[in-house]
Amino acid sequence: MATTIITVNTNGSLKIEGDFEIRDKEGNVYDLGGREIISICRCGMSQNKPFCDGSHKGHFEHEAKAFALPPKKTV
């Protein structure tokens, strides 16, 4: 099975690379034109949502540092 890597960029997008597909809420698959690397908007300013178009530059701040999530809740 191929690996998918999601990188949270500081002050920017989510970079997705590897073997993946992206679907809308109805399950329709976006045509990625053969791309194996894409960037997803996190700031909400892109005119090409859900994809990043660079609109965040100078308007979005988030220091991307990995951390451990708290334990999963159990019922």
N, C-alpha and C. Protein backbone atom coordinates (compact mmCIF):
# COMPACT_ATOMS: atom_id res chain seq x y z
N MET A 1 0.84 -1.18 0.00
CA MET A 1 0.00 0.00 0.00
C MET A 1 0.89 1.25 0.00
N ALA A 2 0.58 2.19 -0.85
CA ALA A 2 1.37 3.42 -0.95
C ALA A 2 1.11 4.31 0.26
N THR A 3 2.08 5.16 0.54
CA THR A 3 1.99 6.06 1.67
C THR A 3 1.48 7.42 1.23
N THR A 4 0.60 8.00 2.04
CA THR A 4 0.15 9.38 1.86
C THR A 4 0.76 10.19 2.98
N ILE A 5 1.38 11.32 2.63
CA ILE A 5 1.99 12.19 3.63
C ILE A 5 1.25 13.52 3.61
N ILE A 6 0.82 13.98 4.78
CA ILE A 6 0.19 15.30 4.93
C ILE A 6 1.11 16.15 5.78
N THR A 7 1.56 17.27 5.22
CA THR A 7 2.46 18.18 5.93
C THR A 7 1.71 19.46 6.25
N VAL A 8 1.69 19.83 7.54
CA VAL A 8 1.07 21.08 7.97
C VAL A 8 2.15 22.16 7.86
N ASN A 9 1.99 23.05 6.89
CA ASN A 9 2.98 24.10 6.67
C ASN A 9 2.76 25.27 7.62
N THR A 10 3.84 25.78 8.19
CA THR A 10 3.77 26.98 9.03
C THR A 10 3.23 28.12 8.18
N ASN A 11 2.25 28.85 8.72
CA ASN A 11 1.65 30.00 8.03
C ASN A 11 1.14 29.66 6.64
N GLY A 12 0.64 28.44 6.46
CA GLY A 12 0.20 28.07 5.12
C GLY A 12 -0.70 26.87 5.07
N SER A 13 -0.61 26.18 3.97
CA SER A 13 -1.54 25.11 3.59
C SER A 13 -1.19 23.76 4.20
N LEU A 14 -2.04 22.79 3.88
CA LEU A 14 -1.75 21.38 4.13
C LEU A 14 -1.27 20.79 2.82
N LYS A 15 -0.03 20.33 2.79
CA LYS A 15 0.51 19.70 1.58
C LYS A 15 0.23 18.20 1.66
N ILE A 16 -0.40 17.67 0.61
CA ILE A 16 -0.72 16.24 0.56
C ILE A 16 0.04 15.65 -0.61
N GLU A 17 0.75 14.57 -0.32
CA GLU A 17 1.52 13.91 -1.38
C GLU A 17 1.44 12.40 -1.24
N GLY A 18 1.52 11.73 -2.36
CA GLY A 18 1.47 10.28 -2.37
C GLY A 18 0.27 9.77 -3.14
N ASP A 19 -0.32 8.69 -2.64
CA ASP A 19 -1.47 8.06 -3.28
C ASP A 19 -2.72 8.48 -2.52
N PHE A 20 -3.56 9.32 -3.13
CA PHE A 20 -4.75 9.82 -2.45
C PHE A 20 -5.78 10.26 -3.49
N GLU A 21 -7.01 10.44 -3.02
CA GLU A 21 -8.04 11.10 -3.80
C GLU A 21 -8.78 12.03 -2.86
N ILE A 22 -9.38 13.06 -3.41
CA ILE A 22 -10.12 14.04 -2.62
C ILE A 22 -11.55 14.05 -3.13
N ARG A 23 -12.50 13.98 -2.18
CA ARG A 23 -13.92 13.92 -2.53
C ARG A 23 -14.68 15.07 -1.90
N ASP A 24 -15.76 15.48 -2.56
CA ASP A 24 -16.64 16.48 -1.97
C ASP A 24 -17.62 15.78 -1.02
N LYS A 25 -18.51 16.54 -0.41
CA LYS A 25 -19.40 15.95 0.60
C LYS A 25 -20.36 14.91 0.04
N GLU A 26 -20.60 14.92 -1.27
CA GLU A 26 -21.46 13.91 -1.88
C GLU A 26 -20.67 12.69 -2.36
N GLY A 27 -19.36 12.71 -2.18
CA GLY A 27 -18.53 11.58 -2.60
C GLY A 27 -17.96 11.70 -4.00
N ASN A 28 -18.22 12.83 -4.67
CA ASN A 28 -17.66 13.03 -6.01
C ASN A 28 -16.17 13.31 -5.91
N VAL A 29 -15.40 12.69 -6.77
CA VAL A 29 -13.94 12.81 -6.73
C VAL A 29 -13.50 14.03 -7.56
N TYR A 30 -12.64 14.88 -6.96
CA TYR A 30 -12.05 16.01 -7.69
C TYR A 30 -11.07 15.46 -8.72
N ASP A 31 -11.08 16.03 -9.92
CA ASP A 31 -10.10 15.68 -10.95
C ASP A 31 -8.83 16.47 -10.67
N LEU A 32 -7.80 15.79 -10.20
CA LEU A 32 -6.55 16.44 -9.82
C LEU A 32 -5.57 16.52 -10.98
N GLY A 33 -5.99 16.15 -12.16
CA GLY A 33 -5.15 16.29 -13.34
C GLY A 33 -3.84 15.53 -13.26
N GLY A 34 -3.84 14.39 -12.58
CA GLY A 34 -2.63 13.57 -12.48
C GLY A 34 -1.64 14.01 -11.42
N ARG A 35 -1.98 15.05 -10.65
CA ARG A 35 -1.06 15.54 -9.61
C ARG A 35 -0.90 14.51 -8.50
N GLU A 36 0.33 14.40 -7.99
CA GLU A 36 0.63 13.55 -6.85
C GLU A 36 0.95 14.38 -5.62
N ILE A 37 1.00 15.70 -5.78
CA ILE A 37 1.20 16.64 -4.67
C ILE A 37 0.23 17.80 -4.89
N ILE A 38 -0.56 18.11 -3.85
CA ILE A 38 -1.45 19.28 -3.91
C ILE A 38 -1.41 19.97 -2.54
N SER A 39 -1.92 21.18 -2.48
CA SER A 39 -2.01 21.91 -1.21
C SER A 39 -3.46 22.29 -0.96
N ILE A 40 -3.92 22.04 0.26
CA ILE A 40 -5.27 22.34 0.69
C ILE A 40 -5.25 23.62 1.53
N CYS A 41 -6.20 24.52 1.27
CA CYS A 41 -6.31 25.79 1.98
C CYS A 41 -6.67 25.56 3.44
N ARG A 42 -5.99 26.28 4.35
CA ARG A 42 -6.35 26.28 5.77
C ARG A 42 -6.86 27.63 6.22
N CYS A 43 -6.58 28.68 5.45
CA CYS A 43 -6.88 30.04 5.90
C CYS A 43 -8.29 30.50 5.52
N GLY A 44 -8.89 29.88 4.52
CA GLY A 44 -10.22 30.27 4.06
C GLY A 44 -10.23 31.40 3.05
N MET A 45 -9.07 31.90 2.63
CA MET A 45 -9.00 33.03 1.71
C MET A 45 -8.83 32.64 0.24
N SER A 46 -8.56 31.38 -0.04
CA SER A 46 -8.32 30.94 -1.41
C SER A 46 -9.55 31.14 -2.29
N GLN A 47 -9.33 31.56 -3.52
CA GLN A 47 -10.41 31.66 -4.50
C GLN A 47 -10.60 30.32 -5.20
N ASN A 48 -9.78 29.33 -4.84
CA ASN A 48 -9.79 28.03 -5.49
C ASN A 48 -10.02 26.92 -4.45
N LYS A 49 -10.83 27.22 -3.40
CA LYS A 49 -11.07 26.24 -2.34
C LYS A 49 -11.63 24.95 -2.91
N PRO A 50 -11.23 23.82 -2.40
CA PRO A 50 -10.47 23.62 -1.19
C PRO A 50 -8.96 23.71 -1.38
N PHE A 51 -8.53 24.07 -2.58
CA PHE A 51 -7.10 24.09 -2.87
C PHE A 51 -6.49 25.46 -2.55
N CYS A 52 -5.23 25.45 -2.17
CA CYS A 52 -4.52 26.68 -1.82
C CYS A 52 -4.10 27.42 -3.09
N ASP A 53 -4.28 28.75 -3.07
CA ASP A 53 -3.81 29.58 -4.19
C ASP A 53 -2.80 30.63 -3.73
N GLY A 54 -2.33 30.52 -2.48
CA GLY A 54 -1.32 31.44 -1.96
C GLY A 54 -1.90 32.71 -1.35
N SER A 55 -3.23 32.85 -1.28
CA SER A 55 -3.84 34.06 -0.73
C SER A 55 -3.50 34.29 0.74
N HIS A 56 -3.07 33.26 1.45
CA HIS A 56 -2.76 33.36 2.88
C HIS A 56 -1.51 34.20 3.17
N LYS A 57 -0.65 34.37 2.21
CA LYS A 57 0.65 35.01 2.46
C LYS A 57 0.48 36.37 3.13
N GLY A 58 1.03 36.49 4.33
CA GLY A 58 0.98 37.72 5.10
C GLY A 58 -0.32 37.93 5.86
N HIS A 59 -1.26 36.95 5.76
CA HIS A 59 -2.57 37.12 6.40
C HIS A 59 -2.97 35.96 7.30
N PHE A 60 -2.10 35.01 7.49
CA PHE A 60 -2.46 33.80 8.23
C PHE A 60 -1.24 33.36 9.03
N GLU A 61 -1.41 33.20 10.33
CA GLU A 61 -0.28 32.80 11.17
C GLU A 61 -0.63 31.56 11.97
N HIS A 62 0.19 30.56 11.82
CA HIS A 62 0.08 29.35 12.62
C HIS A 62 1.43 28.65 12.59
N GLU A 63 2.04 28.51 13.74
CA GLU A 63 3.32 27.82 13.86
C GLU A 63 3.05 26.32 13.88
N ALA A 64 3.42 25.63 12.83
CA ALA A 64 3.16 24.20 12.72
C ALA A 64 4.23 23.41 13.47
N LYS A 65 3.87 22.92 14.63
CA LYS A 65 4.75 22.08 15.44
C LYS A 65 3.96 20.85 15.87
N ALA A 66 4.51 19.68 15.67
CA ALA A 66 3.82 18.44 16.02
C ALA A 66 3.68 18.31 17.54
N PHE A 67 2.58 17.72 17.96
CA PHE A 67 2.34 17.46 19.38
C PHE A 67 1.46 16.22 19.50
N ALA A 68 1.38 15.68 20.69
CA ALA A 68 0.55 14.49 20.94
C ALA A 68 -0.86 14.92 21.30
N LEU A 69 -1.85 14.29 20.68
CA LEU A 69 -3.23 14.53 21.04
C LEU A 69 -3.52 13.87 22.39
N PRO A 70 -4.53 14.36 23.12
CA PRO A 70 -4.91 13.67 24.36
C PRO A 70 -5.46 12.29 24.04
N PRO A 71 -5.53 11.40 25.01
CA PRO A 71 -6.06 10.06 24.75
C PRO A 71 -7.47 10.11 24.16
N LYS A 72 -7.78 9.12 23.31
CA LYS A 72 -9.11 9.02 22.73
C LYS A 72 -10.14 8.84 23.85
N LYS A 73 -11.30 9.46 23.66
CA LYS A 73 -12.38 9.28 24.62
C LYS A 73 -13.01 7.92 24.39
N THR A 74 -13.38 7.27 25.45
CA THR A 74 -14.05 5.97 25.35
C THR A 74 -15.45 6.12 25.94
N VAL A 75 -16.35 5.33 25.40
CA VAL A 75 -17.76 5.42 25.85
C VAL A 75 -17.97 4.58 27.08
